[in-house]
Amino acid sequence: MTVRLRGMTPADLPAVLGLERELFPDDAWTPQMFASELRGVPASRYYLVADDDGQIAGYAGLLAPPLRAARRRPGGQADVLTMAVATTRWGQGIGSALLAALLAEAAARGCAEVFLEVRVDNPRAQRLYRRFGFADAGLRRGYYQPSGTDALVMRLPLDPAGFGSAAGQADAAQPSPAPPRSISGRRS
């Protein structure tokens, strides 16, 4: 198996929405929400898919200030908006690769910190975020709708000059495209 991270496109939405409904049946994003998010790329959004020879194994999205704004006033905040990996692909490093790519993009955009919300009943995701250095920052009661599940807010301080090799090499004048990255491993 070789999984490649690449920018999400509108053509990916049927597969992404299928995963979304499978993984988050009570509070899945709608097609309109994803389409709206993709319209924000690259200005204020960064969306990736983990592509395994045409099959979407996962996806992730980031809200971050545009590069131009970061050059004028570094130190902004980024937010991980969504992240998911197909259950059949858990434990293969796909979630880690997606998160590392989002954090590298946040650093390339000059962000000083990254926030995210994660369901309180999702300890697997919480462990992943803690491995990357995220710490608990608060609780949002009833955040996930319509289920009413609480969200744990987590925060990671970033050194924009020092996170990941791709971040330091990004061209500050252009939005960072989703570079193709490969993840090798075995199928379950």
Protein backbone atom coordinates (compact mmCIF):
# COMPACT_ATOMS: atom_id res chain seq x y z
CA MET A 1 0.00 0.00 0.00
CA THR A 2 1.19 3.50 -0.82
CA VAL A 3 -0.99 6.37 0.25
CA ARG A 4 -0.40 9.81 -1.20
CA LEU A 5 -1.55 13.03 0.45
CA ARG A 6 -2.87 15.57 -2.03
CA GLY A 7 -5.20 18.54 -2.11
CA MET A 8 -8.90 17.73 -1.87
CA THR A 9 -10.92 18.61 -4.98
CA PRO A 10 -14.67 18.74 -5.63
CA ALA A 11 -14.32 15.40 -7.44
CA ASP A 12 -13.32 13.83 -4.09
CA LEU A 13 -16.51 14.91 -2.32
CA PRO A 14 -18.61 11.76 -2.99
CA ALA A 15 -15.94 9.55 -1.37
CA VAL A 16 -15.27 12.07 1.42
CA LEU A 17 -18.99 12.34 2.17
CA GLY A 18 -19.28 8.55 2.28
CA LEU A 19 -16.52 8.39 4.89
CA GLU A 20 -18.03 11.33 6.76
CA ARG A 21 -21.43 9.61 7.07
CA GLU A 22 -19.81 6.30 8.05
CA LEU A 23 -17.58 7.82 10.74
CA PHE A 24 -19.84 10.59 12.05
CA PRO A 25 -23.41 9.37 11.43
CA ASP A 26 -25.01 11.65 14.03
CA ASP A 27 -23.30 14.89 13.03
CA ALA A 28 -21.85 14.47 9.54
CA TRP A 29 -21.05 17.56 7.50
CA THR A 30 -23.36 18.14 4.55
CA PRO A 31 -22.27 18.31 0.89
CA GLN A 32 -22.93 22.05 1.03
CA MET A 33 -20.60 22.46 4.03
CA PHE A 34 -17.74 20.67 2.29
CA ALA A 35 -18.31 22.56 -0.97
CA SER A 36 -18.27 25.86 0.93
CA GLU A 37 -15.05 24.88 2.69
CA LEU A 38 -13.34 24.00 -0.60
CA ARG A 39 -14.23 27.45 -1.97
CA GLY A 40 -11.94 28.85 0.77
CA VAL A 41 -8.87 27.00 -0.59
CA PRO A 42 -6.16 28.31 -0.67
CA ALA A 43 -7.06 31.72 0.79
CA SER A 44 -8.03 30.61 4.28
CA ARG A 45 -8.48 26.85 4.04
CA TYR A 46 -6.24 23.85 3.40
CA TYR A 47 -7.86 20.47 2.67
CA LEU A 48 -6.14 17.16 2.00
CA VAL A 49 -7.13 13.63 1.14
CA ALA A 50 -5.15 10.45 1.68
CA ASP A 51 -5.40 8.79 -1.73
CA ASP A 52 -4.60 5.09 -2.09
CA ASP A 53 -4.63 4.48 -5.83
CA GLY A 54 -7.92 6.31 -6.30
CA GLN A 55 -9.52 5.22 -3.02
CA ILE A 56 -9.89 7.92 -0.35
CA ALA A 57 -8.56 6.52 2.92
CA GLY A 58 -8.86 9.75 4.91
CA TYR A 59 -9.15 13.51 4.78
CA ALA A 60 -8.39 16.59 6.85
CA GLY A 61 -8.97 20.33 6.78
CA LEU A 62 -7.41 23.43 8.31
CA LEU A 63 -8.52 27.03 8.76
CA ALA A 64 -5.51 29.37 8.79
CA PRO A 65 -4.77 32.97 7.87
CA PRO A 66 -3.66 33.57 4.29
CA LEU A 67 0.07 33.67 3.68
CA ARG A 68 -0.04 37.37 2.80
CA ALA A 69 -1.60 38.19 6.17
CA ALA A 70 0.91 35.97 7.96
CA ARG A 71 3.81 37.87 6.35
CA ARG A 72 2.36 41.19 7.55
CA ARG A 73 1.41 39.97 11.02
CA PRO A 74 2.79 36.54 11.99
CA GLY A 75 1.53 34.71 15.03
CA GLY A 76 -2.06 33.96 14.04
CA GLN A 77 -4.18 31.02 15.02
CA ALA A 78 -5.06 27.95 12.96
CA ASP A 79 -7.89 25.50 13.58
CA VAL A 80 -8.07 21.86 12.56
CA LEU A 81 -11.62 21.78 11.19
CA THR A 82 -12.00 18.10 10.38
CA MET A 83 -9.96 14.93 10.20
CA ALA A 84 -11.01 11.36 9.51
CA VAL A 85 -9.51 8.03 8.49
CA ALA A 86 -11.45 5.00 7.30
CA THR A 87 -11.77 2.46 10.13
CA THR A 88 -10.21 -0.22 7.94
CA ARG A 89 -7.11 1.98 7.69
CA TRP A 90 -6.65 2.83 11.38
CA GLY A 91 -3.18 2.16 12.76
CA GLN A 92 -1.42 2.64 9.41
CA GLY A 93 -0.07 6.17 10.04
CA ILE A 94 -2.59 7.96 7.84
CA GLY A 95 -4.01 10.12 10.64
CA SER A 96 -0.51 11.05 11.78
CA ALA A 97 0.51 11.98 8.24
CA LEU A 98 -2.61 14.11 7.72
CA LEU A 99 -2.12 15.91 11.04
CA ALA A 100 1.59 16.50 10.39
CA ALA A 101 0.74 18.02 6.99
CA LEU A 102 -1.86 20.34 8.56
CA LEU A 103 0.60 21.46 11.24
CA ALA A 104 3.31 22.09 8.65
CA GLU A 105 0.86 24.24 6.67
CA ALA A 106 -0.12 26.18 9.80
CA ALA A 107 3.55 26.83 10.52
CA ALA A 108 4.20 27.85 6.90
CA ARG A 109 1.37 30.38 7.26
CA GLY A 110 3.05 31.86 10.34
CA CYS A 111 0.61 30.55 12.93
CA ALA A 112 1.73 30.57 16.54
CA GLU A 113 -0.88 28.09 17.75
CA VAL A 114 -3.32 25.47 16.49
CA PHE A 115 -6.66 24.64 18.08
CA LEU A 116 -9.08 21.79 17.49
CA GLU A 117 -12.22 20.29 18.91
CA VAL A 118 -12.52 16.55 19.41
CA ARG A 119 -15.45 14.54 20.69
CA VAL A 120 -15.11 13.66 24.37
CA ASP A 121 -16.10 10.10 23.45
CA ASN A 122 -13.22 9.70 20.94
CA PRO A 123 -10.18 8.69 23.02
CA ARG A 124 -8.35 7.33 19.96
CA ALA A 125 -8.27 10.76 18.31
CA GLN A 126 -7.38 12.42 21.62
CA ARG A 127 -4.34 10.12 21.94
CA LEU A 128 -3.20 11.04 18.43
CA TYR A 129 -3.44 14.76 19.18
CA ARG A 130 -1.61 14.37 22.50
CA ARG A 131 1.21 12.49 20.74
CA PHE A 132 1.68 15.62 18.63
CA GLY A 133 1.82 17.82 21.74
CA PHE A 134 -1.77 19.10 21.91
CA ALA A 135 -3.00 19.81 25.45
CA ASP A 136 -6.51 20.23 26.84
CA ALA A 137 -7.66 23.85 26.71
CA GLY A 138 -11.36 23.67 27.57
CA LEU A 139 -14.69 22.02 26.98
CA ARG A 140 -17.55 23.03 24.68
CA ARG A 141 -20.81 21.58 26.00
CA GLY A 142 -23.19 20.22 23.35
CA TYR A 143 -20.82 21.27 20.54
CA TYR A 144 -21.57 18.46 18.11
CA GLN A 145 -25.06 18.74 16.65
CA PRO A 146 -27.54 17.26 16.46
CA SER A 147 -26.10 14.64 18.86
CA GLY A 148 -25.30 17.19 21.58
CA THR A 149 -21.95 15.52 22.32
CA ASP A 150 -19.42 17.66 24.17
CA ALA A 151 -16.14 18.68 22.53
CA LEU A 152 -12.76 18.79 24.19
CA VAL A 153 -10.86 21.87 22.98
CA MET A 154 -7.15 21.20 22.49
CA ARG A 155 -4.29 23.60 21.76
CA LEU A 156 -0.78 23.24 20.37
CA PRO A 157 1.70 26.13 20.46
CA LEU A 158 3.79 26.29 17.26
CA ASP A 159 7.16 27.68 16.39
CA PRO A 160 6.34 28.70 12.79
CA ALA A 161 10.02 28.65 11.83
CA GLY A 162 10.64 25.22 13.23
CA PHE A 163 7.77 22.80 12.55
CA GLY A 164 8.46 20.25 9.85
CA SER A 165 10.89 20.47 6.97
CA ALA A 166 8.26 21.52 4.41
CA ALA A 167 7.19 24.53 6.47
CA GLY A 168 10.60 26.14 6.48
CA GLN A 169 10.94 25.77 2.72
CA ALA A 170 7.52 27.11 1.72
CA ASP A 171 7.51 30.09 -0.62
CA ALA A 172 6.01 32.89 1.46
CA ALA A 173 4.69 34.64 -1.65
CA GLN A 174 2.46 31.77 -2.76
CA PRO A 175 -0.07 29.59 -0.95
CA SER A 176 1.47 26.22 -0.19
CA PRO A 177 -0.04 23.59 -2.49
CA ALA A 178 -0.78 20.20 -1.05
CA PRO A 179 2.45 18.42 -1.85
CA PRO A 180 2.17 14.80 -2.85
CA ARG A 181 3.43 12.76 0.08
CA SER A 182 3.53 9.01 0.32
CA ILE A 183 2.84 6.77 3.28
CA SER A 184 3.99 3.20 2.92
CA GLY A 185 2.70 0.36 5.00
CA ARG A 186 0.76 -2.85 4.81
CA ARG A 187 -2.91 -3.43 4.29
CA SER A 188 -4.88 -5.00 7.09
